[in-house]
Amino acid sequence: MKRLLSVAALCAASIDLGACATVINGTSQPVEFESDPQGAQVELVSGLKCETPCKYSMKRGHDSRVTFTREGYEPVTVYIQSRTGGGVAGNILAGGLIGGVVDASNGAANHLYPDPVSVRLVRLGSGEKPVLLDKKGEVISTVEAYNAKVVDDVLEGLEEQGHYPMGAAAGE
């Protein structure tokens, strides 16, 4: 009898907790765009534009690409990667297979990286490399090194989403 009650409770929990990330996180994430110096023009692969600092709500399950431009500075392109969150396994255990499938299919189990997308621009002809910055303004890596790590995955995602990115080489 205890075993039957345990199975019934687990089944009920699976129905109640299915798609936890969808409920908790939603399918979109606000992503901040920052530059040093401020006032750079930002253009996303989707065509959205703003001036730094700015923020857009972006689909968690969609890779993207953003280009920063500012007069007197080298243009910088950064790939934004949709990464699977660490809670997926827990969601499947707690929420059941259906919840895991729902969250994975709508992107709610993912997060976009980097966030914020913050770059230190470099003056034209300086020979320096633009760098990615964390929330505290500390250097994470060069944009070129970061893009080289994620370029294949992001370009594949962009193609699946119907975006045929220009400047597909890492660091462009």
Protein backbone atom coordinates (compact mmCIF):
# COMPACT_ATOMS: atom_id res chain seq x y z
CA MET A 1 0.00 0.00 0.00
CA LYS A 2 2.83 2.43 0.89
CA ARG A 3 4.45 1.65 -2.44
CA LEU A 4 1.23 2.42 -4.30
CA LEU A 5 0.88 5.76 -2.46
CA SER A 6 4.49 6.64 -3.25
CA VAL A 7 3.98 5.95 -6.95
CA ALA A 8 0.75 7.96 -6.94
CA ALA A 9 2.49 10.90 -5.21
CA LEU A 10 5.36 10.80 -7.70
CA CYS A 11 2.93 10.80 -10.62
CA ALA A 12 1.03 13.75 -9.17
CA ALA A 13 4.26 15.66 -8.60
CA SER A 14 5.32 15.01 -12.19
CA ILE A 15 2.11 16.56 -13.47
CA ASP A 16 2.26 19.53 -11.08
CA LEU A 17 5.95 20.25 -11.61
CA GLY A 18 6.16 19.61 -15.35
CA ALA A 19 7.93 22.40 -17.26
CA CYS A 20 9.28 24.05 -14.10
CA ALA A 21 11.80 26.21 -15.96
CA THR A 22 9.04 27.51 -18.23
CA VAL A 23 7.09 28.66 -15.20
CA ILE A 24 10.04 29.97 -13.19
CA ASN A 25 12.33 31.41 -15.90
CA GLY A 26 10.02 31.99 -18.83
CA THR A 27 11.21 31.55 -22.40
CA SER A 28 12.89 34.98 -22.67
CA GLN A 29 15.82 36.58 -20.85
CA PRO A 30 16.65 40.27 -20.56
CA VAL A 31 20.18 40.73 -21.97
CA GLU A 32 22.17 43.89 -21.29
CA PHE A 33 24.54 45.42 -23.86
CA GLU A 34 27.36 47.60 -22.57
CA SER A 35 30.51 49.09 -24.03
CA ASP A 36 33.58 50.92 -22.82
CA PRO A 37 33.31 53.67 -23.90
CA GLN A 38 29.53 53.96 -23.81
CA GLY A 39 27.52 55.19 -26.77
CA ALA A 40 28.33 52.37 -29.20
CA GLN A 41 25.68 51.36 -31.70
CA VAL A 42 24.48 47.80 -31.15
CA GLU A 43 22.90 45.70 -33.89
CA LEU A 44 21.59 42.19 -33.31
CA VAL A 45 21.36 39.57 -36.04
CA SER A 46 17.57 39.99 -35.77
CA GLY A 47 17.91 43.63 -36.87
CA LEU A 48 17.17 45.18 -33.46
CA LYS A 49 19.32 48.24 -32.77
CA CYS A 50 20.14 50.37 -29.72
CA GLU A 51 22.90 52.49 -28.20
CA THR A 52 24.88 51.28 -25.19
CA PRO A 53 23.97 50.86 -22.45
CA CYS A 54 20.74 49.14 -23.47
CA LYS A 55 18.77 45.95 -22.91
CA TYR A 56 16.59 43.60 -24.98
CA SER A 57 14.46 40.63 -24.06
CA MET A 58 15.78 37.68 -26.06
CA LYS A 59 14.59 34.09 -26.51
CA ARG A 60 16.54 31.80 -24.19
CA GLY A 61 16.73 28.98 -26.74
CA HIS A 62 18.05 31.14 -29.61
CA ASP A 63 21.68 31.82 -30.39
CA SER A 64 22.45 35.32 -31.63
CA ARG A 65 25.15 37.67 -32.83
CA VAL A 66 25.65 41.32 -31.91
CA THR A 67 27.89 43.92 -33.52
CA PHE A 68 29.13 47.03 -31.69
CA THR A 69 30.21 50.05 -33.73
CA ARG A 70 31.38 53.47 -32.68
CA GLU A 71 33.10 56.18 -34.66
CA GLY A 72 36.87 56.01 -34.20
CA TYR A 73 36.78 52.42 -32.89
CA GLU A 74 37.12 48.99 -34.46
CA PRO A 75 33.76 47.24 -34.98
CA VAL A 76 33.31 44.22 -32.67
CA THR A 77 31.07 41.20 -33.20
CA VAL A 78 30.22 38.91 -30.27
CA TYR A 79 28.38 35.59 -30.52
CA ILE A 80 25.65 35.01 -27.95
CA GLN A 81 25.29 31.33 -27.10
CA SER A 82 22.17 29.63 -25.77
CA ARG A 83 23.49 27.24 -23.13
CA THR A 84 21.59 24.47 -21.39
CA GLY A 85 21.14 25.27 -17.71
CA GLY A 86 22.36 22.96 -14.97
CA GLY A 87 18.83 22.37 -13.67
CA VAL A 88 17.71 20.24 -16.62
CA ALA A 89 18.49 16.91 -14.94
CA GLY A 90 16.78 18.03 -11.73
CA ASN A 91 13.79 19.21 -13.72
CA ILE A 92 13.48 15.81 -15.39
CA LEU A 93 13.75 14.07 -12.01
CA ALA A 94 11.31 16.39 -10.25
CA GLY A 95 9.06 17.31 -13.13
CA GLY A 96 9.12 14.15 -15.14
CA LEU A 97 10.04 13.54 -18.74
CA ILE A 98 7.22 15.74 -20.04
CA GLY A 99 8.46 18.77 -18.10
CA GLY A 100 12.00 18.20 -19.31
CA VAL A 101 10.87 17.92 -22.92
CA VAL A 102 8.71 21.07 -22.69
CA ASP A 103 11.51 23.12 -21.12
CA ALA A 104 14.09 21.86 -23.61
CA SER A 105 11.88 22.48 -26.64
CA ASN A 106 10.89 26.06 -25.75
CA GLY A 107 14.35 27.07 -24.50
CA ALA A 108 13.25 27.81 -20.92
CA ALA A 109 15.95 25.48 -19.58
CA ASN A 110 18.63 27.56 -21.33
CA HIS A 111 20.39 30.82 -20.55
CA LEU A 112 22.13 33.23 -22.89
CA TYR A 113 25.85 33.85 -22.49
CA PRO A 114 27.51 36.26 -22.13
CA ASP A 115 25.10 38.40 -20.14
CA PRO A 116 25.76 41.22 -19.95
CA VAL A 117 27.36 41.43 -23.40
CA SER A 118 29.96 43.96 -22.38
CA VAL A 119 32.96 44.88 -24.54
CA ARG A 120 35.92 47.19 -24.25
CA LEU A 121 36.28 48.75 -27.68
CA VAL A 122 39.69 49.57 -29.17
CA ARG A 123 40.64 52.61 -31.21
CA LEU A 124 41.07 52.21 -34.96
CA GLY A 125 44.62 51.23 -35.85
CA SER A 126 45.70 50.66 -32.23
CA GLY A 127 46.58 47.01 -32.83
CA GLU A 128 44.90 46.10 -29.52
CA LYS A 129 42.24 43.41 -29.25
CA PRO A 130 38.72 44.10 -27.94
CA VAL A 131 37.86 42.21 -24.75
CA LEU A 132 34.73 40.85 -23.08
CA LEU A 133 34.02 42.20 -19.60
CA ASP A 134 32.05 40.64 -16.74
CA LYS A 135 29.44 42.44 -14.61
CA LYS A 136 32.20 44.03 -12.51
CA GLY A 137 34.11 45.31 -15.55
CA GLU A 138 36.85 42.68 -15.22
CA VAL A 139 38.27 41.12 -18.39
CA ILE A 140 36.87 37.65 -19.20
CA SER A 141 38.81 37.08 -22.42
CA THR A 142 39.47 38.64 -25.78
CA VAL A 143 36.40 38.70 -28.01
CA GLU A 144 38.39 36.73 -30.58
CA ALA A 145 39.18 33.89 -28.12
CA TYR A 146 35.58 33.72 -26.84
CA ASN A 147 34.11 33.70 -30.37
CA ALA A 148 36.54 30.95 -31.45
CA LYS A 149 35.17 28.70 -28.66
CA VAL A 150 31.49 29.12 -29.57
CA VAL A 151 31.46 29.98 -33.29
CA ASP A 152 30.51 26.54 -34.67
CA ASP A 153 27.64 26.03 -32.22
CA VAL A 154 26.27 29.56 -32.59
CA LEU A 155 26.44 29.58 -36.41
CA GLU A 156 24.63 26.24 -36.50
CA GLY A 157 21.94 27.68 -34.22
CA LEU A 158 21.61 30.83 -36.32
CA GLU A 159 21.17 28.77 -39.48
CA GLU A 160 18.50 26.62 -37.79
CA GLN A 161 16.70 29.86 -36.82
CA GLY A 162 16.79 31.08 -40.42
CA HIS A 163 19.55 33.66 -39.93
CA TYR A 164 22.38 33.40 -42.39
CA PRO A 165 25.06 35.36 -40.59
CA MET A 166 27.44 37.66 -42.40
CA GLY A 167 30.98 37.73 -41.03
CA ALA A 168 30.93 34.10 -39.97
CA ALA A 169 34.62 33.94 -39.13
CA ALA A 170 35.53 33.99 -35.45
CA GLY A 171 36.17 37.46 -34.15
CA GLU A 172 34.43 39.31 -36.98
